[in-house]
Amino acid sequence: MPIGDVTEVSATIAAPVDTVYALVSDITRMGEWSPECSGGKWLGGATEARPGSRFRGANKHGLWHWSTTCIVVAADSGKELSWEVRKLGRPVSFWRYRFEDDGHGGTTVVETTEDRRDAFMKSLSPMATGVGDRAVRNRRTMEDTLERLKERAEAGAR
């Protein structure tokens, strides 16, 4: 499948890599940092991020609420967490978090998303989510997500 719009943001967090990875990989808590994702629920007996684990992501934007099914692609503790998002059995996006030790006891987190919607899904998206320009919205929410994650991780690291 051709690659769509890719959005990437990063932040340096004054907390150890394992601490930051543990927060992000607990998808049930994603709503604590994301302004759009209100949380996730593991599916099919999964209880943690492992390749092949599935979860349902709950999302909100104003009056709009929707869910997606996500499949964990990589869960390399302290290094990378990524998943593919699907709706109606069709690809929507791919999300990746990379974690790197900053050399001073902190973590550089790089959050990336790739839009994988086909023309049909792109045409439905504004009606389902209330978002016209997904790339602009993603950048803004990703920046907010990393800022909230930073606040939580640094508060716990003290």
Protein backbone atom coordinates (compact mmCIF):
# COMPACT_ATOMS: atom_id res chain seq x y z
CA MET A 1 0.00 0.00 0.00
CA PRO A 2 1.32 3.44 -0.84
CA ILE A 3 2.48 5.57 2.05
CA GLY A 4 0.19 8.50 2.87
CA ASP A 5 0.88 11.60 4.90
CA VAL A 6 3.44 11.00 7.63
CA THR A 7 3.46 13.18 10.74
CA GLU A 8 6.26 13.02 13.30
CA VAL A 9 6.83 14.87 16.56
CA SER A 10 9.32 14.37 19.37
CA ALA A 11 9.98 15.39 22.94
CA THR A 12 12.71 14.88 25.49
CA ILE A 13 11.42 13.67 28.84
CA ALA A 14 13.44 13.74 32.07
CA ALA A 15 12.55 10.16 32.98
CA PRO A 16 14.18 6.79 32.21
CA VAL A 17 13.36 4.99 28.96
CA ASP A 18 11.68 2.05 30.75
CA THR A 19 9.39 4.41 32.68
CA VAL A 20 8.25 6.23 29.56
CA TYR A 21 7.80 3.00 27.58
CA ALA A 22 5.69 1.51 30.38
CA LEU A 23 3.35 4.50 30.31
CA VAL A 24 2.86 4.45 26.54
CA SER A 25 2.55 0.68 26.23
CA ASP A 26 -0.33 0.59 28.73
CA ILE A 27 -2.92 1.45 26.09
CA THR A 28 -5.67 1.48 28.72
CA ARG A 29 -4.14 4.75 29.95
CA MET A 30 -3.70 6.46 26.57
CA GLY A 31 -6.66 8.73 27.34
CA GLU A 32 -4.61 10.32 30.14
CA TRP A 33 -2.25 11.90 27.60
CA SER A 34 -4.08 11.98 24.28
CA PRO A 35 -6.66 14.70 23.62
CA GLU A 36 -8.33 12.48 20.99
CA CYS A 37 -7.92 8.89 22.16
CA SER A 38 -9.96 8.35 25.29
CA GLY A 39 -8.37 4.98 26.00
CA GLY A 40 -8.00 1.44 24.83
CA LYS A 41 -9.26 -1.99 25.78
CA TRP A 42 -7.34 -5.19 25.13
CA LEU A 43 -9.16 -7.75 22.96
CA GLY A 44 -9.03 -11.52 22.64
CA GLY A 45 -7.51 -12.16 26.06
CA ALA A 46 -4.51 -9.86 25.51
CA THR A 47 -3.30 -8.03 28.61
CA GLU A 48 -0.21 -6.26 27.32
CA ALA A 49 1.49 -5.02 24.19
CA ARG A 50 3.00 -7.90 22.20
CA PRO A 51 3.21 -8.35 18.44
CA GLY A 52 -0.19 -9.59 17.30
CA SER A 53 -2.08 -8.32 20.37
CA ARG A 54 -5.26 -6.48 19.49
CA PHE A 55 -7.02 -3.62 21.23
CA ARG A 56 -9.96 -1.34 20.61
CA GLY A 57 -9.11 2.34 20.66
CA ALA A 58 -11.87 4.72 21.74
CA ASN A 59 -11.66 8.22 20.29
CA LYS A 60 -13.46 11.52 20.61
CA HIS A 61 -13.47 14.95 18.99
CA GLY A 62 -16.16 17.37 20.10
CA LEU A 63 -19.51 15.62 19.65
CA TRP A 64 -17.99 12.79 17.59
CA HIS A 65 -17.08 9.43 19.16
CA TRP A 66 -15.68 6.43 17.27
CA SER A 67 -13.61 3.32 17.83
CA THR A 68 -11.01 1.44 15.84
CA THR A 69 -9.38 -1.95 16.06
CA CYS A 70 -5.61 -1.89 16.48
CA ILE A 71 -3.04 -4.65 16.03
CA VAL A 72 0.33 -4.35 17.76
CA VAL A 73 3.14 -4.71 15.23
CA ALA A 74 6.18 -4.12 17.47
CA ALA A 75 6.54 -4.09 21.25
CA ASP A 76 10.26 -3.91 21.96
CA SER A 77 10.46 -2.78 25.58
CA GLY A 78 12.22 0.54 25.94
CA LYS A 79 12.78 0.86 22.18
CA GLU A 80 9.62 0.81 20.09
CA LEU A 81 5.88 0.36 20.26
CA SER A 82 3.82 0.39 17.05
CA TRP A 83 0.40 -0.64 15.86
CA GLU A 84 -1.79 -0.69 12.79
CA VAL A 85 -5.26 0.88 13.00
CA ARG A 86 -8.22 -0.56 11.09
CA LYS A 87 -11.88 0.39 10.76
CA LEU A 88 -14.51 -1.64 8.90
CA GLY A 89 -11.70 -4.09 8.15
CA ARG A 90 -9.79 -1.44 6.20
CA PRO A 91 -6.42 0.21 6.98
CA VAL A 92 -6.64 3.63 8.58
CA SER A 93 -3.22 4.47 9.99
CA PHE A 94 0.01 3.21 11.48
CA TRP A 95 1.34 4.59 14.78
CA ARG A 96 4.87 4.25 16.13
CA TYR A 97 6.61 5.43 19.29
CA ARG A 98 10.41 5.18 19.41
CA PHE A 99 12.28 5.61 22.68
CA GLU A 100 15.95 6.57 22.97
CA ASP A 101 18.10 7.23 26.02
CA ASP A 102 19.17 10.87 25.77
CA GLY A 103 22.48 10.18 27.51
CA HIS A 104 21.48 12.13 30.63
CA GLY A 105 19.03 9.69 32.22
CA GLY A 106 16.12 10.95 30.15
CA THR A 107 14.27 9.76 27.09
CA THR A 108 13.73 11.16 23.64
CA VAL A 109 10.34 9.98 22.39
CA VAL A 110 9.52 10.15 18.70
CA GLU A 111 5.84 9.68 17.83
CA THR A 112 5.01 9.00 14.18
CA THR A 113 1.77 8.32 12.36
CA GLU A 114 1.20 7.38 8.76
CA ASP A 115 -2.18 7.87 7.08
CA ARG A 116 -3.14 4.62 5.34
CA ARG A 117 -6.72 5.47 4.38
CA ASP A 118 -7.87 4.77 0.85
CA ALA A 119 -10.14 7.23 -1.00
CA PHE A 120 -13.29 5.58 0.40
CA MET A 121 -12.11 5.85 4.02
CA LYS A 122 -10.92 9.43 3.48
CA SER A 123 -14.37 10.36 2.18
CA LEU A 124 -16.09 8.89 5.28
CA SER A 125 -13.64 10.22 7.84
CA PRO A 126 -14.89 13.83 8.22
CA MET A 127 -18.44 12.58 8.82
CA ALA A 128 -17.27 9.95 11.32
CA THR A 129 -14.72 12.05 13.22
CA GLY A 130 -15.50 15.71 12.57
CA VAL A 131 -11.93 16.21 11.33
CA GLY A 132 -11.39 17.69 7.88
CA ASP A 133 -7.59 17.88 7.77
CA ARG A 134 -6.31 14.77 9.52
CA ALA A 135 -2.59 15.65 9.16
CA VAL A 136 -3.03 19.05 10.85
CA ARG A 137 -5.20 17.55 13.60
CA ASN A 138 -2.73 14.70 14.20
CA ARG A 139 0.24 17.06 14.57
CA ARG A 140 -1.63 19.16 17.15
CA THR A 141 -2.88 16.17 19.16
CA MET A 142 0.49 14.42 19.01
CA GLU A 143 2.25 17.51 20.39
CA ASP A 144 -0.33 17.65 23.20
CA THR A 145 0.04 13.93 23.85
CA LEU A 146 3.81 14.14 24.26
CA GLU A 147 3.51 17.21 26.50
CA ARG A 148 1.04 15.41 28.79
CA LEU A 149 3.17 12.26 28.75
CA LYS A 150 6.19 14.38 29.69
CA GLU A 151 4.34 15.97 32.62
CA ARG A 152 3.21 12.57 33.94
CA ALA A 153 6.53 10.80 33.47
CA GLU A 154 8.55 13.61 35.03
CA ALA A 155 6.17 13.87 37.99
CA GLY A 156 6.58 10.15 38.62
CA ALA A 157 10.34 10.29 38.13
CA ARG A 158 10.87 12.74 41.02
